[in-house]
Amino acid sequence: MKEKRVNYYIFRIDYSKQKYFKENLEKGILRQGWGVENLSLLDENGEVRNQEEWVNACPESWRTTDEAKKYLRNKNTNLRKMLEMKEGDIILIPKFPEWNMFSLYRVTGKYYFNLEETAVDYGHCIPVKIATTYPYEIDKCFTYNGNDETKKIHSKLRGYQTSINSVYNEEIIKAIESLLQIKSIKEVSPITEILRNIFEKNIKNMENLNKEIFSVRPNDVEEIVEHIFIKQGYLVESKNSYDKKGRDSDRTFIKPLPILSEINDEIDSCRVYVQIKKKDGEYDEDEGIKQLEKIVATKENIEGKDNKFNNFYKVLVCTGEFSSRIKELAQEKSIILIDGIQLIRMCLKNI
């Protein structure tokens, strides 16, 4: 007998009713909204209900305009994904049981409609159980920063914003399958620990290494750069300096110069302005250079000659590869470039 293909879903709940959903999940019921009275997706014979009939059954206040009716049709189409769910499918619920976690559940049956007497909504139901693999497990939930697999999933959740989302992305599916084989991770792992795990897995394959490291979110890349500078003796002066006028520095570092300051009391430290871009492939945008030029011009002019940070540098970091044009422009503006490969080498030395 041919084994049924497992399907994967990202299922968003009403996070304002966290306690209600948790209580139902403990009973083996995963609920979805837009399920008030008479809004089952199935008719009395168990057949899929006509979409227009379903829209017309919605409360009148929901369908006052053509635009509102169009929205309801789209909502009905999205809810119908619950009809596709079958026993053995995997559901990932973001921001549950806590805002910085996600949980994994396994479908145990087919869709049905059940509106509780104490609730005015959430009648759409899927029977589920925790997606445990081993007898000793009592939950299957993970912090977003738990390990490199959870980071990978977290970095892609933004692309799944509807209530119910089918998942076809192989990276997410493989990450979920990997997590199904381990126990829950409820503690946050530092980005440096996650990187070490990635290095161990991909040390012989630079292409995989580049792809895995920079699958994280932009703010994680900023943390990586910050860690490298700190490891080399720099101090963080400021983070994400932005004045809404195009002047921007993701990180500003200072480094004391004790030997030089003993010789010349006008020298104290050097300052480094860093702009960080998470980009795949070739980077050919002027934005980073312009942001650095503006923030440096403003900052240094304001502080003037009285400050002891008269020795400063501008650095543009990119996880991809700089185009020839950007390289020439950076040289013209005295901006130091650090591309993806160079950043990986720095990680290998400093993480």
Protein backbone atom coordinates (compact mmCIF):
# COMPACT_ATOMS: atom_id res chain seq x y z
CA MET A 1 0.00 0.00 0.00
CA LYS A 2 1.38 3.39 -1.00
CA GLU A 3 2.30 5.59 1.97
CA LYS A 4 0.35 8.85 2.13
CA ARG A 5 2.38 12.00 1.57
CA VAL A 6 2.69 14.18 4.67
CA ASN A 7 1.61 17.77 4.11
CA TYR A 8 2.85 20.70 6.20
CA TYR A 9 0.93 23.78 7.28
CA ILE A 10 1.64 27.01 9.13
CA PHE A 11 -1.50 27.80 11.10
CA ARG A 12 -1.99 31.20 12.75
CA ILE A 13 -4.46 31.55 15.60
CA ASP A 14 -6.11 34.51 17.32
CA TYR A 15 -3.27 35.41 19.67
CA SER A 16 -5.53 37.59 21.80
CA LYS A 17 -7.29 34.36 22.86
CA GLN A 18 -4.14 32.39 23.72
CA LYS A 19 -5.64 30.77 26.82
CA TYR A 20 -8.77 29.64 24.96
CA PHE A 21 -6.75 28.02 22.18
CA LYS A 22 -4.42 26.34 24.67
CA GLU A 23 -7.37 24.82 26.54
CA ASN A 24 -8.79 23.44 23.31
CA LEU A 25 -5.46 22.09 22.12
CA GLU A 26 -5.17 20.21 25.41
CA LYS A 27 -8.46 18.55 24.40
CA GLY A 28 -7.04 17.76 20.96
CA ILE A 29 -8.90 20.51 19.08
CA LEU A 30 -7.27 23.19 16.92
CA ARG A 31 -9.75 25.95 16.15
CA GLN A 32 -9.88 28.71 13.57
CA GLY A 33 -11.90 31.93 13.47
CA TRP A 34 -14.51 33.17 10.99
CA GLY A 35 -16.57 30.32 12.32
CA VAL A 36 -19.67 31.85 13.84
CA GLU A 37 -23.08 30.15 13.71
CA ASN A 38 -24.10 28.61 10.34
CA LEU A 39 -20.63 29.03 8.79
CA SER A 40 -19.51 25.42 8.49
CA LEU A 41 -17.50 24.71 5.34
CA LEU A 42 -19.63 21.56 4.83
CA ASP A 43 -23.35 21.20 4.26
CA GLU A 44 -25.61 18.84 6.24
CA ASN A 45 -24.65 15.98 3.91
CA GLY A 46 -20.92 16.48 4.47
CA GLU A 47 -20.36 18.01 1.04
CA VAL A 48 -18.26 21.14 0.48
CA ARG A 49 -20.52 24.13 0.71
CA ASN A 50 -20.88 26.51 -2.23
CA GLN A 51 -18.74 29.59 -1.65
CA GLU A 52 -21.44 32.14 -2.49
CA GLU A 53 -23.86 30.35 -0.19
CA TRP A 54 -21.26 30.52 2.59
CA VAL A 55 -20.64 34.24 1.98
CA ASN A 56 -24.38 34.97 2.07
CA ALA A 57 -24.64 33.07 5.36
CA CYS A 58 -22.10 35.42 6.95
CA PRO A 59 -23.47 38.10 9.29
CA GLU A 60 -24.88 40.99 7.30
CA SER A 61 -22.46 43.42 8.96
CA TRP A 62 -19.56 41.48 7.39
CA ARG A 63 -20.80 41.86 3.80
CA THR A 64 -21.96 45.45 3.44
CA THR A 65 -19.87 46.20 0.31
CA ASP A 66 -18.59 44.37 -2.77
CA GLU A 67 -15.07 44.72 -1.36
CA ALA A 68 -16.17 43.11 1.90
CA LYS A 69 -17.76 40.21 0.00
CA LYS A 70 -14.56 39.75 -1.99
CA TYR A 71 -12.62 39.56 1.28
CA LEU A 72 -15.04 36.90 2.57
CA ARG A 73 -14.56 34.83 -0.59
CA ASN A 74 -10.80 34.96 -0.06
CA LYS A 75 -11.29 34.00 3.59
CA ASN A 76 -13.46 31.04 2.57
CA THR A 77 -10.80 29.89 0.09
CA ASN A 78 -8.18 30.06 2.83
CA LEU A 79 -10.35 28.19 5.36
CA ARG A 80 -10.91 25.40 2.82
CA LYS A 81 -7.31 24.34 3.35
CA MET A 82 -8.63 22.74 6.53
CA LEU A 83 -10.64 20.37 4.33
CA GLU A 84 -7.39 19.17 2.73
CA MET A 85 -5.82 18.24 6.06
CA LYS A 86 -5.60 14.53 6.80
CA GLU A 87 -4.31 12.24 9.51
CA GLY A 88 -0.52 12.46 9.84
CA ASP A 89 -0.12 15.97 8.42
CA ILE A 90 2.02 18.39 10.44
CA ILE A 91 0.84 21.80 11.64
CA LEU A 92 3.20 24.51 12.89
CA ILE A 93 1.63 27.20 15.09
CA PRO A 94 3.77 30.37 15.35
CA LYS A 95 3.91 32.47 18.56
CA PHE A 96 2.59 29.56 20.62
CA PRO A 97 2.67 28.71 23.52
CA GLU A 98 4.68 31.94 23.93
CA TRP A 99 5.31 34.85 21.55
CA ASN A 100 8.95 33.75 20.94
CA MET A 101 8.14 30.09 20.26
CA PHE A 102 6.34 27.81 17.81
CA SER A 103 4.66 24.44 18.37
CA LEU A 104 4.26 21.34 16.21
CA TYR A 105 1.05 19.29 16.08
CA ARG A 106 0.00 16.23 14.10
CA VAL A 107 -3.45 16.00 12.49
CA THR A 108 -5.48 13.03 13.77
CA GLY A 109 -8.72 13.38 11.80
CA LYS A 110 -10.85 15.39 9.40
CA TYR A 111 -12.33 18.86 9.60
CA TYR A 112 -15.59 19.37 11.45
CA PHE A 113 -17.63 22.34 12.67
CA ASN A 114 -18.39 22.78 16.35
CA LEU A 115 -19.32 26.10 17.91
CA GLU A 116 -19.09 26.02 21.68
CA GLU A 117 -21.92 27.53 23.71
CA THR A 118 -19.46 29.74 25.56
CA ALA A 119 -17.86 31.06 22.34
CA VAL A 120 -19.26 33.22 19.57
CA ASP A 121 -16.59 32.24 17.04
CA TYR A 122 -13.88 29.66 16.25
CA GLY A 123 -16.23 26.91 15.07
CA HIS A 124 -13.85 25.50 12.43
CA CYS A 125 -12.04 22.52 14.00
CA ILE A 126 -9.25 20.08 13.20
CA PRO A 127 -8.51 17.20 15.58
CA VAL A 128 -4.82 17.19 16.50
CA LYS A 129 -2.29 15.86 18.97
CA ILE A 130 1.16 17.05 19.95
CA ALA A 131 3.66 15.89 17.30
CA THR A 132 5.67 13.79 19.72
CA THR A 133 8.11 11.16 18.49
CA TYR A 134 9.09 9.48 21.75
CA PRO A 135 6.94 8.24 24.67
CA TYR A 136 8.56 10.55 27.24
CA GLU A 137 7.66 13.75 25.36
CA ILE A 138 4.85 15.91 26.71
CA ASP A 139 5.15 18.79 24.22
CA LYS A 140 6.84 19.76 20.97
CA CYS A 141 7.65 23.46 21.08
CA PHE A 142 10.75 25.47 20.22
CA THR A 143 12.09 28.96 20.83
CA TYR A 144 12.81 30.83 17.61
CA ASN A 145 16.50 31.03 18.60
CA GLY A 146 16.69 27.42 19.81
CA ASN A 147 19.11 26.09 17.17
CA ASP A 148 19.96 26.61 13.51
CA GLU A 149 16.81 24.73 12.37
CA THR A 150 14.48 26.88 14.46
CA LYS A 151 16.30 30.01 13.23
CA LYS A 152 15.78 28.87 9.66
CA ILE A 153 12.04 28.44 10.21
CA HIS A 154 11.75 31.77 12.04
CA SER A 155 13.52 33.60 9.22
CA LYS A 156 10.87 32.44 6.74
CA LEU A 157 7.68 32.86 8.76
CA ARG A 158 7.15 36.35 7.41
CA GLY A 159 6.24 34.79 4.05
CA TYR A 160 3.29 32.93 5.61
CA GLN A 161 0.91 35.60 6.86
CA THR A 162 -2.56 34.22 6.09
CA SER A 163 -4.46 32.25 8.72
CA ILE A 164 -3.72 28.87 7.11
CA ASN A 165 -0.68 28.36 4.88
CA SER A 166 0.42 25.31 2.91
CA VAL A 167 4.19 24.81 3.13
CA TYR A 168 6.11 23.62 0.07
CA ASN A 169 9.50 25.16 0.88
CA GLU A 170 11.95 22.25 1.21
CA GLU A 171 14.15 24.10 3.72
CA ILE A 172 11.25 24.58 6.11
CA ILE A 173 10.05 20.99 5.64
CA LYS A 174 13.51 19.54 6.30
CA ALA A 175 13.90 21.77 9.36
CA ILE A 176 10.54 20.60 10.73
CA GLU A 177 11.41 16.95 10.08
CA SER A 178 14.69 17.45 11.93
CA LEU A 179 12.93 19.04 14.91
CA LEU A 180 10.44 16.18 15.08
CA GLN A 181 13.37 13.92 16.00
CA ILE A 182 14.48 15.91 19.04
CA LYS A 183 12.92 17.08 22.27
CA SER A 184 11.52 20.57 22.75
CA ILE A 185 13.92 23.52 23.04
CA LYS A 186 12.60 26.13 25.44
CA GLU A 187 15.80 28.05 26.08
CA VAL A 188 17.22 30.67 23.71
CA SER A 189 20.61 29.80 22.23
CA PRO A 190 23.00 32.69 21.47
CA ILE A 191 23.54 33.34 17.77
CA THR A 192 27.20 32.40 18.27
CA GLU A 193 26.29 28.90 19.44
CA ILE A 194 23.97 28.43 16.48
CA LEU A 195 26.78 29.49 14.13
CA ARG A 196 29.18 26.99 15.67
CA ASN A 197 26.70 24.20 14.91
CA ILE A 198 26.41 25.42 11.33
CA PHE A 199 30.22 25.50 10.96
CA GLU A 200 30.52 21.93 12.20
CA LYS A 201 27.97 20.68 9.67
CA ASN A 202 29.28 22.59 6.65
CA ILE A 203 32.98 23.18 7.27
CA LYS A 204 33.94 21.38 4.06
CA ASN A 205 31.38 23.09 1.88
CA MET A 206 31.74 26.88 1.61
CA GLU A 207 28.63 27.25 -0.56
CA ASN A 208 26.42 25.50 2.00
CA LEU A 209 28.11 27.44 4.77
CA ASN A 210 27.30 30.78 3.16
CA LYS A 211 23.69 29.73 2.51
CA GLU A 212 23.07 28.41 6.04
CA ILE A 213 24.73 31.22 7.97
CA PHE A 214 22.88 33.97 6.16
CA SER A 215 19.47 32.28 6.23
CA VAL A 216 19.03 34.15 9.52
CA ARG A 217 17.22 37.48 9.84
CA PRO A 218 18.94 40.85 9.21
CA ASN A 219 19.15 41.72 12.91
CA ASP A 220 20.97 38.40 13.50
CA VAL A 221 23.58 39.34 10.89
CA GLU A 222 24.05 42.61 12.79
CA GLU A 223 24.63 40.60 15.99
CA ILE A 224 27.22 38.45 14.20
CA VAL A 225 29.14 41.53 13.04
CA GLU A 226 28.89 43.05 16.52
CA HIS A 227 30.30 39.88 18.09
CA ILE A 228 33.28 39.88 15.70
CA PHE A 229 34.17 43.51 16.47
CA ILE A 230 33.80 42.99 20.22
CA LYS A 231 36.04 39.90 20.04
CA GLN A 232 38.70 42.11 18.45
CA GLY A 233 38.61 44.65 21.28
CA TYR A 234 36.07 47.18 19.96
CA LEU A 235 33.36 48.71 22.14
CA VAL A 236 29.80 49.31 20.94
CA GLU A 237 29.09 53.03 20.99
CA SER A 238 25.61 52.87 19.43
CA LYS A 239 23.17 50.56 17.65
CA ASN A 240 20.84 51.36 14.77
CA SER A 241 21.44 55.10 14.75
CA TYR A 242 18.79 56.56 12.43
CA ASP A 243 17.39 60.08 12.18
CA LYS A 244 14.66 59.48 9.53
CA LYS A 245 16.60 61.66 7.06
CA GLY A 246 18.67 58.93 5.41
CA ARG A 247 21.50 59.08 7.93
CA ASP A 248 21.96 55.57 9.22
CA SER A 249 24.53 53.40 10.98
CA ASP A 250 23.63 49.85 12.07
CA ARG A 251 26.54 49.77 14.49
CA THR A 252 29.09 52.34 15.62
CA PHE A 253 32.19 51.00 17.37
CA ILE A 254 35.06 52.69 19.16
CA LYS A 255 38.46 51.22 19.93
CA PRO A 256 40.82 52.73 22.50
CA LEU A 257 44.33 53.50 21.28
CA PRO A 258 46.33 53.47 24.56
CA ILE A 259 49.86 53.56 23.11
CA LEU A 260 49.13 56.44 20.72
CA SER A 261 47.27 58.39 23.42
CA GLU A 262 50.36 58.25 25.63
CA ILE A 263 52.41 59.85 22.87
CA ASN A 264 49.77 62.38 21.78
CA ASP A 265 47.08 63.37 24.31
CA GLU A 266 44.82 64.55 21.46
CA ILE A 267 44.42 60.93 20.35
CA ASP A 268 42.13 58.75 22.43
CA SER A 269 40.17 56.28 20.26
CA CYS A 270 39.12 55.54 16.71
CA ARG A 271 35.50 55.27 15.66
CA VAL A 272 34.07 52.83 13.08
CA TYR A 273 30.69 53.36 11.42
CA VAL A 274 29.24 50.11 10.06
CA GLN A 275 26.32 49.64 7.70
CA ILE A 276 25.16 46.00 7.29
CA LYS A 277 23.15 44.60 4.37
CA LYS A 278 21.65 41.11 4.22
CA LYS A 279 21.51 40.49 0.47
CA ASP A 280 21.72 37.35 -1.63
CA GLY A 281 23.79 37.35 -4.82
CA GLU A 282 25.31 40.54 -6.18
CA TYR A 283 24.85 43.79 -4.26
CA ASP A 284 24.62 46.80 -6.58
CA GLU A 285 22.75 49.42 -4.56
CA ASP A 286 23.98 52.88 -3.53
CA GLU A 287 21.87 52.97 -0.35
CA GLY A 288 24.49 51.63 2.06
CA ILE A 289 27.20 54.01 0.86
CA LYS A 290 24.86 57.01 0.96
CA GLN A 291 23.72 56.15 4.49
CA LEU A 292 27.32 55.94 5.71
CA GLU A 293 28.32 59.19 4.01
CA LYS A 294 25.41 61.08 5.57
CA ILE A 295 25.76 59.74 9.12
CA VAL A 296 29.53 60.33 9.15
CA ALA A 297 29.23 63.86 7.74
CA THR A 298 26.57 64.76 10.31
CA LYS A 299 28.20 63.10 13.32
CA GLU A 300 31.73 64.33 12.73
CA ASN A 301 30.63 67.87 11.86
CA ILE A 302 28.51 68.12 15.00
CA GLU A 303 31.28 66.94 17.27
CA GLY A 304 33.86 68.96 15.38
CA LYS A 305 37.54 69.13 16.21
CA ASP A 306 37.02 69.15 19.96
CA ASN A 307 36.33 65.43 20.15
CA LYS A 308 39.08 62.83 20.34
CA PHE A 309 37.50 60.54 17.74
CA ASN A 310 39.08 62.37 14.81
CA ASN A 311 40.30 59.03 13.49
CA PHE A 312 37.23 57.34 11.97
CA TYR A 313 36.41 54.68 9.37
CA LYS A 314 33.37 53.74 7.28
CA VAL A 315 32.58 50.05 6.70
CA LEU A 316 29.91 48.48 4.49
CA VAL A 317 29.16 44.81 5.17
CA CYS A 318 27.15 42.63 2.78
CA THR A 319 26.31 38.92 3.01
CA GLY A 320 26.44 38.67 -0.78
CA GLU A 321 29.00 39.91 -3.30
CA PHE A 322 29.68 43.54 -4.23
CA SER A 323 29.38 44.59 -7.87
CA SER A 324 32.32 46.21 -9.64
CA ARG A 325 30.49 49.54 -9.61
CA ILE A 326 30.01 49.46 -5.83
CA LYS A 327 33.66 48.51 -5.33
CA GLU A 328 34.76 51.55 -7.37
CA LEU A 329 32.32 53.86 -5.59
CA ALA A 330 33.44 52.61 -2.18
CA GLN A 331 37.09 53.19 -3.08
CA GLU A 332 36.25 56.72 -4.20
CA LYS A 333 34.45 57.40 -0.86
CA SER A 334 37.13 55.67 1.27
CA ILE A 335 34.67 53.04 2.45
CA ILE A 336 35.94 49.61 3.50
CA LEU A 337 33.94 46.70 2.06
CA ILE A 338 33.40 43.31 3.73
CA ASP A 339 31.59 40.78 1.52
CA GLY A 340 29.97 37.46 2.42
CA ILE A 341 33.06 35.29 2.02
CA GLN A 342 35.19 37.67 4.08
CA LEU A 343 32.49 37.74 6.75
CA ILE A 344 32.47 33.93 6.91
CA ARG A 345 36.26 33.90 7.36
CA MET A 346 35.93 36.40 10.18
CA CYS A 347 33.26 34.20 11.76
CA LEU A 348 35.55 31.18 11.59
CA LYS A 349 38.24 33.13 13.43
CA ASN A 350 36.08 34.84 16.01
CA ILE A 351 32.97 32.76 16.74
